[in-house]
């Protein structure tokens, strides 16, 4: 009987504690027009809204504490789950706050004196604007740097970079990933990514070049922006420069022209990096190296590893990718799709 009374007493105390904490939370919630929790599990701190103004409260061991007064026009939690940071807005000016869980308070990283602030995913950087100039705020270093006319947020996930503009010229800054800290100086009229995070088309004085940031090599500014077309096949580029064709390859091992100034270059779908090249009335085949210009025509073969060549009015099917065929067979065994 004594044990029963003791168990009953413990249960009653637990219920009272539960009711005290959650009733307090419920009563507190009633005060506000809107509550935004820090996560889907109703964790604190929370953004609160009352009379069209925002603030932040925290709940430490059942004790509620206002850590940001309800006087801001907008408070937005950044989508970073490691550090609880907020972009705040007051009288059309923005700032950055950080929740200090140890002391149950807010640390002001940037006061609300900026015209605009944007958060960059993954990299823990913010783009901040003030007096029509842009800077980058490095959360880890807790400092601002740069002074740009514009910052264009581009690739995210993996190797994050930003295209920046200064004195009407463009450059690139890497802020995350394997190239973090690398940059292309603001010296170009335009910059455009070419399918990989380290390959760019740079424009200068009406001409442009293909530039490999990894190898620091480029084609040089030899292409006319208005008349040049580029087709990419993996690390290979077919460049049509005003009716003359060239084949350029760039990767971590090499950056060079393989073929220049031909009348036609086209990629053959049956074969790995196999190209049909025309000079005058004759064709050659490129498959690692360029054959002689002895064919009257070249067409795709009956399967992925062969092509048809025409010579003296006779068609013949020839292999073009023995090594790649073996690799393809190996990939198939592993269940991997070869690119």
Protein backbone atom coordinates (compact mmCIF):
# COMPACT_ATOMS: atom_id res chain seq x y z
CA UNK A 1 0.00 0.00 0.00
CA UNK A 2 2.87 2.34 0.84
CA UNK A 3 4.50 1.57 -2.54
CA UNK A 4 1.23 2.35 -4.32
CA UNK A 5 0.99 5.72 -2.56
CA UNK A 6 4.59 6.50 -3.47
CA UNK A 7 4.05 5.63 -7.16
CA UNK A 8 0.84 7.69 -7.20
CA UNK A 9 2.68 10.65 -5.69
CA UNK A 10 5.48 10.45 -8.28
CA UNK A 11 2.99 10.25 -11.16
CA UNK A 12 1.06 13.21 -9.77
CA UNK A 13 4.25 15.29 -9.51
CA UNK A 14 5.20 14.40 -13.08
CA UNK A 15 1.77 15.40 -14.37
CA UNK A 16 1.99 18.68 -12.49
CA UNK A 17 5.42 19.44 -13.97
CA UNK A 18 4.18 18.55 -17.47
CA UNK A 19 1.10 20.72 -17.09
CA UNK A 20 3.10 23.60 -15.65
CA UNK A 21 5.62 23.65 -18.53
CA UNK A 22 3.23 23.08 -21.41
CA UNK A 23 0.41 25.13 -19.98
CA UNK A 24 2.89 27.95 -19.59
CA UNK A 25 3.93 27.47 -23.21
CA UNK A 26 0.35 27.40 -24.38
CA UNK A 27 -0.51 30.52 -22.36
CA UNK A 28 2.55 32.25 -23.77
CA UNK A 29 1.56 31.29 -27.32
CA UNK A 30 -1.86 32.86 -26.91
CA UNK A 31 -0.22 36.28 -26.60
CA UNK A 32 1.00 36.28 -30.21
CA UNK A 33 -0.58 36.44 -33.66
CA UNK A 34 1.99 34.06 -35.16
CA UNK A 35 4.80 31.79 -33.96
CA UNK A 36 7.58 30.31 -36.10
CA UNK A 37 9.53 27.54 -34.42
CA UNK A 38 13.22 26.93 -35.03
CA UNK A 39 12.49 23.39 -36.27
CA UNK A 40 9.56 21.08 -36.98
CA UNK A 41 9.81 19.59 -33.48
CA UNK A 42 8.66 22.88 -31.91
CA UNK A 43 12.13 23.71 -30.64
CA UNK A 44 13.18 27.09 -29.33
CA UNK A 45 13.98 29.93 -29.80
CA UNK A 46 10.87 31.01 -31.73
CA UNK A 47 10.07 34.01 -33.89
CA UNK A 48 6.91 35.69 -32.64
CA UNK A 49 4.60 38.19 -34.32
CA UNK A 50 2.29 40.64 -32.63
CA UNK A 51 0.56 43.68 -34.13
CA UNK A 52 2.61 43.24 -37.33
CA UNK A 53 5.91 43.39 -35.46
CA UNK A 54 8.38 40.56 -34.86
CA UNK A 55 10.59 39.45 -31.98
CA UNK A 56 12.25 36.31 -30.61
CA UNK A 57 11.65 34.44 -27.35
CA UNK A 58 13.53 31.50 -25.86
CA UNK A 59 12.43 28.81 -23.43
CA UNK A 60 15.17 27.63 -21.11
CA UNK A 61 14.04 24.92 -18.67
CA UNK A 62 10.43 26.13 -18.84
CA UNK A 63 11.36 29.77 -18.26
CA UNK A 64 10.44 32.13 -21.10
CA UNK A 65 12.72 34.99 -21.97
CA UNK A 66 12.39 37.69 -24.62
CA UNK A 67 15.75 37.87 -26.36
CA UNK A 68 14.68 40.16 -29.21
CA UNK A 69 11.92 42.67 -28.42
CA UNK A 70 8.81 42.67 -30.61
CA UNK A 71 9.75 45.79 -32.60
CA UNK A 72 11.12 44.51 -35.93
CA UNK A 73 9.31 44.66 -39.28
CA UNK A 74 10.58 41.20 -40.26
CA UNK A 75 12.76 38.44 -38.81
CA UNK A 76 13.81 35.46 -40.96
CA UNK A 77 15.78 32.46 -39.73
CA UNK A 78 18.47 31.43 -42.20
CA UNK A 79 18.30 27.79 -43.41
CA UNK A 80 21.37 26.70 -41.46
CA UNK A 81 20.84 24.07 -38.77
CA UNK A 82 24.27 24.31 -37.15
CA UNK A 83 24.13 28.00 -36.26
CA UNK A 84 20.83 29.77 -35.54
CA UNK A 85 21.20 33.04 -37.40
CA UNK A 86 18.53 35.56 -38.34
CA UNK A 87 18.20 38.31 -40.91
CA UNK A 88 16.26 41.15 -39.26
CA UNK A 89 14.58 44.19 -40.79
CA UNK A 90 13.66 47.45 -39.09
CA UNK A 91 12.68 50.70 -40.80
CA UNK A 92 13.81 49.25 -44.18
CA UNK A 93 17.27 48.43 -42.84
CA UNK A 94 18.68 44.94 -42.37
CA UNK A 95 21.03 43.25 -39.90
CA UNK A 96 22.23 39.79 -38.83
CA UNK A 97 21.65 38.27 -35.39
CA UNK A 98 23.10 35.07 -33.93
CA UNK A 99 21.40 33.14 -31.12
CA UNK A 100 23.79 32.49 -28.23
CA UNK A 101 22.37 29.38 -26.58
CA UNK A 102 24.90 29.27 -23.75
CA UNK A 103 23.92 32.69 -22.43
CA UNK A 104 20.35 32.63 -23.76
CA UNK A 105 20.79 35.90 -25.66
CA UNK A 106 21.32 37.37 -29.12
CA UNK A 107 24.72 38.41 -30.49
CA UNK A 108 24.54 41.19 -33.08
CA UNK A 109 26.81 40.23 -35.99
CA UNK A 110 25.75 43.18 -38.17
CA UNK A 111 23.53 45.96 -36.86
CA UNK A 112 20.44 46.83 -38.84
CA UNK A 113 22.01 49.52 -41.01
CA UNK A 114 22.18 47.68 -44.37
CA UNK A 115 19.93 48.16 -47.39
CA UNK A 116 19.67 44.43 -48.14
CA UNK A 117 21.10 41.10 -46.92
CA UNK A 118 20.94 37.67 -48.59
CA UNK A 119 22.11 34.35 -47.16
CA UNK A 120 24.22 31.99 -49.29
CA UNK A 121 23.53 28.32 -48.64
CA UNK A 122 26.36 25.90 -47.67
CA UNK A 123 29.07 28.51 -47.58
CA UNK A 124 27.86 30.44 -44.49
CA UNK A 125 28.29 33.73 -46.31
CA UNK A 126 25.93 36.68 -46.60
CA UNK A 127 25.70 39.19 -49.44
CA UNK A 128 25.15 42.62 -47.88
CA UNK A 129 24.27 45.88 -49.62
CA UNK A 130 24.88 49.39 -48.35
CA UNK A 131 24.96 52.70 -50.26
CA UNK A 132 24.65 50.82 -53.58
CA UNK A 133 27.81 48.79 -52.86
CA UNK A 134 28.03 45.09 -52.05
CA UNK A 135 30.21 43.22 -49.59
CA UNK A 136 30.47 39.61 -48.44
CA UNK A 137 30.07 38.73 -44.78
CA UNK A 138 32.05 35.63 -43.79
CA UNK A 139 30.20 34.06 -40.87
CA UNK A 140 33.11 31.85 -39.78
CA UNK A 141 35.61 34.72 -39.84
CA UNK A 142 33.01 37.20 -38.54
CA UNK A 143 34.08 39.92 -40.94
CA UNK A 144 33.12 41.83 -44.08
CA UNK A 145 35.30 42.05 -47.15
CA UNK A 146 35.16 43.24 -50.75
CA UNK A 147 33.58 46.31 -52.29
CA UNK A 148 31.60 45.48 -55.41
CA UNK A 149 29.05 47.13 -57.69
CA UNK A 150 27.11 43.85 -57.88
CA UNK A 151 27.29 40.27 -56.62
CA UNK A 152 25.51 37.59 -58.62
CA UNK A 153 24.72 34.47 -56.63
CA UNK A 154 25.23 31.53 -58.96
CA UNK A 155 26.28 27.93 -58.44
CA UNK A 156 25.48 26.35 -55.08
CA UNK A 157 26.18 22.90 -53.74
CA UNK A 158 29.70 21.60 -54.12
CA UNK A 159 31.98 24.32 -55.42
CA UNK A 160 30.11 27.52 -54.62
CA UNK A 161 31.22 30.66 -56.40
CA UNK A 162 29.96 34.17 -56.95
CA UNK A 163 30.28 36.32 -60.04
CA UNK A 164 31.20 39.81 -58.86
CA UNK A 165 31.18 43.13 -60.69
CA UNK A 166 33.48 46.08 -60.05
CA UNK A 167 34.05 49.16 -62.20
CA UNK A 168 31.84 47.54 -64.87
CA UNK A 169 34.11 44.47 -65.09
CA UNK A 170 33.33 40.93 -63.94
CA UNK A 171 35.24 38.35 -61.93
CA UNK A 172 34.64 35.17 -59.91
CA UNK A 173 35.16 34.39 -56.21
CA UNK A 174 35.03 30.83 -54.86
CA UNK A 175 33.67 30.73 -51.32
CA UNK A 176 33.16 27.01 -50.74
CA UNK A 177 34.44 23.64 -51.96
CA UNK A 178 37.74 22.48 -53.43
CA UNK A 179 38.45 25.84 -55.11
CA UNK A 180 37.65 27.93 -52.03
CA UNK A 181 39.83 31.05 -52.02
CA UNK A 182 40.46 30.95 -55.78
CA UNK A 183 39.34 33.88 -57.89
CA UNK A 184 39.23 35.39 -61.34
CA UNK A 185 39.94 39.10 -61.10
CA UNK A 186 37.38 41.68 -62.22
CA UNK A 187 38.91 42.31 -65.64
CA UNK A 188 36.29 40.98 -68.08
CA UNK A 189 33.24 42.34 -69.89
CA UNK A 190 31.25 39.18 -69.14
CA UNK A 191 31.72 35.75 -67.58
CA UNK A 192 29.70 32.64 -68.30
CA UNK A 193 30.12 29.12 -66.92
CA UNK A 194 30.75 26.37 -69.48
CA UNK A 195 29.09 23.29 -67.93
CA UNK A 196 31.70 22.74 -65.20
CA UNK A 197 32.41 24.79 -62.10
CA UNK A 198 35.96 25.58 -63.24
CA UNK A 199 35.39 26.26 -66.97
CA UNK A 200 34.33 29.73 -68.09
CA UNK A 201 33.78 31.77 -71.23
CA UNK A 202 35.51 35.11 -70.64
CA UNK A 203 34.76 38.15 -72.78
CA UNK A 204 37.12 41.05 -73.34
CA UNK A 205 36.89 43.85 -75.93
CA UNK A 206 34.38 41.95 -78.08
CA UNK A 207 36.44 38.74 -78.11
CA UNK A 208 36.18 35.78 -75.81
CA UNK A 209 38.20 32.83 -74.58
CA UNK A 210 37.60 29.46 -72.93
CA UNK A 211 39.36 29.51 -69.56
CA UNK A 212 40.18 26.57 -67.26
CA UNK A 213 40.56 27.82 -63.68
CA UNK A 214 42.01 24.49 -62.56
CA UNK A 215 44.93 24.58 -64.99
CA UNK A 216 45.01 28.40 -65.38
CA UNK A 217 45.07 27.89 -69.17
CA UNK A 218 42.89 29.36 -71.90
CA UNK A 219 42.43 29.47 -75.65
CA UNK A 220 43.35 33.15 -75.65
CA UNK A 221 40.94 35.90 -76.75
CA UNK A 222 40.65 34.81 -80.37
CA UNK A 223 36.91 34.25 -80.88
CA UNK A 224 34.39 36.75 -82.14
CA UNK A 225 31.46 36.94 -79.71
CA UNK A 226 28.90 37.57 -82.44
CA UNK A 227 29.88 34.90 -84.96
CA UNK A 228 31.36 32.06 -82.89
CA UNK A 229 29.35 29.05 -81.74
CA UNK A 230 30.52 26.40 -79.28
CA UNK A 231 29.27 22.84 -78.83
CA UNK A 232 30.51 20.81 -75.88
CA UNK A 233 31.02 17.04 -75.69
CA UNK A 234 32.56 16.17 -72.33
CA UNK A 235 35.95 17.90 -72.17
CA UNK A 236 35.89 18.58 -75.93
CA UNK A 237 34.58 21.72 -77.62
CA UNK A 238 33.70 22.07 -81.29
CA UNK A 239 34.24 25.74 -82.08
CA UNK A 240 32.67 27.25 -85.19
CA UNK A 241 34.48 30.54 -85.65
CA UNK A 242 32.82 32.30 -88.58
CA UNK A 243 32.56 29.12 -90.66
CA UNK A 244 35.92 27.58 -89.71
CA UNK A 245 35.90 24.69 -87.25
CA UNK A 246 38.35 23.76 -84.51
CA UNK A 247 38.41 21.07 -81.83
CA UNK A 248 39.62 22.08 -78.38
CA UNK A 249 40.08 19.91 -75.29
CA UNK A 250 40.54 21.12 -71.72
CA UNK A 251 40.71 19.16 -68.46
CA UNK A 252 43.13 18.70 -65.55
CA UNK A 253 45.74 17.09 -67.83
CA UNK A 254 45.72 19.27 -70.92
CA UNK A 255 44.25 22.36 -72.53
CA UNK A 256 44.99 22.61 -76.23
CA UNK A 257 43.65 22.73 -79.78
CA UNK A 258 43.67 19.30 -81.39
CA UNK A 259 42.38 20.38 -84.78
CA UNK A 260 42.18 23.88 -86.25
CA UNK A 261 40.64 25.65 -89.25
CA UNK A 262 38.66 22.86 -90.91
CA UNK A 263 35.51 23.10 -93.02
CA UNK A 264 33.44 20.87 -90.74
CA UNK A 265 33.73 19.01 -87.43
CA UNK A 266 30.88 16.95 -86.03
CA UNK A 267 30.58 14.50 -83.18
CA UNK A 268 29.66 10.90 -83.98
CA UNK A 269 27.20 9.46 -81.51
CA UNK A 270 28.47 5.91 -81.97
CA UNK A 271 31.86 6.15 -80.35
CA UNK A 272 33.55 7.90 -77.42
CA UNK A 273 34.93 11.30 -78.42
CA UNK A 274 34.98 10.32 -82.07
CA UNK A 275 34.69 13.14 -84.58
CA UNK A 276 34.11 13.50 -88.29
CA UNK A 277 36.43 16.15 -89.77
CA UNK A 278 36.20 17.66 -93.25
CA UNK A 279 38.77 19.57 -95.29
CA UNK A 280 37.82 20.45 -98.82
CA UNK A 281 35.94 17.42 -100.19
CA UNK A 282 37.57 14.74 -98.04
CA UNK A 283 36.93 13.50 -94.51
CA UNK A 284 39.17 12.26 -91.72
CA UNK A 285 38.35 10.47 -88.49
CA UNK A 286 39.50 11.69 -85.09
CA UNK A 287 39.61 8.98 -82.40
CA UNK A 288 42.48 9.95 -80.14
CA UNK A 289 44.45 11.07 -83.17
CA UNK A 290 43.54 12.39 -86.61
CA UNK A 291 43.56 10.01 -89.57
CA UNK A 292 44.42 11.02 -93.11
CA UNK A 293 41.80 12.89 -95.17
CA UNK A 294 41.01 9.90 -97.37
CA UNK A 295 37.29 9.28 -96.91
CA UNK A 296 34.38 10.43 -99.06
CA UNK A 297 31.98 10.29 -96.10
CA UNK A 298 31.73 9.06 -92.49
CA UNK A 299 28.53 8.04 -90.68
CA UNK A 300 27.49 6.49 -87.37
CA UNK A 301 27.94 2.74 -87.17
CA UNK A 302 25.54 -0.07 -86.29
CA UNK A 303 26.45 0.06 -82.61
CA UNK A 304 28.14 2.32 -80.08
CA UNK A 305 31.68 1.19 -80.90
CA UNK A 306 31.75 1.35 -84.73
CA UNK A 307 31.39 3.88 -87.53
CA UNK A 308 30.87 3.54 -91.29
CA UNK A 309 33.46 5.06 -93.63
CA UNK A 310 33.05 5.50 -97.38
CA UNK A 311 35.99 5.24 -99.75
CA UNK A 312 35.95 4.66 -103.52
CA UNK A 313 32.16 4.26 -103.39
CA UNK A 314 32.48 1.39 -100.87
CA UNK A 315 31.20 1.47 -97.28
CA UNK A 316 33.05 -0.28 -94.49
CA UNK A 317 32.33 -0.52 -90.77
CA UNK A 318 35.36 0.03 -88.53
CA UNK A 319 35.84 -0.07 -84.73
CA UNK A 320 36.51 3.26 -83.07
CA UNK A 321 36.53 2.64 -79.30
CA UNK A 322 38.18 -0.63 -78.29
CA UNK A 323 39.47 0.69 -74.95
CA UNK A 324 36.20 2.42 -74.15
CA UNK A 325 34.32 -0.75 -75.07
CA UNK A 326 36.29 -2.70 -72.48
CA UNK A 327 35.67 0.03 -69.93
CA UNK A 328 31.97 0.02 -70.81
CA UNK A 329 31.82 -3.74 -70.25
CA UNK A 330 33.54 -3.28 -66.88
CA UNK A 331 31.13 -0.50 -65.90
CA UNK A 332 28.16 -2.68 -66.85
CA UNK A 333 29.42 -5.42 -64.56
CA UNK A 334 29.49 -2.90 -61.70
CA UNK A 335 26.09 -1.53 -62.60
CA UNK A 336 27.56 1.88 -63.48
CA UNK A 337 26.42 3.85 -66.50
CA UNK A 338 29.42 5.12 -68.47
CA UNK A 339 29.24 8.75 -69.48
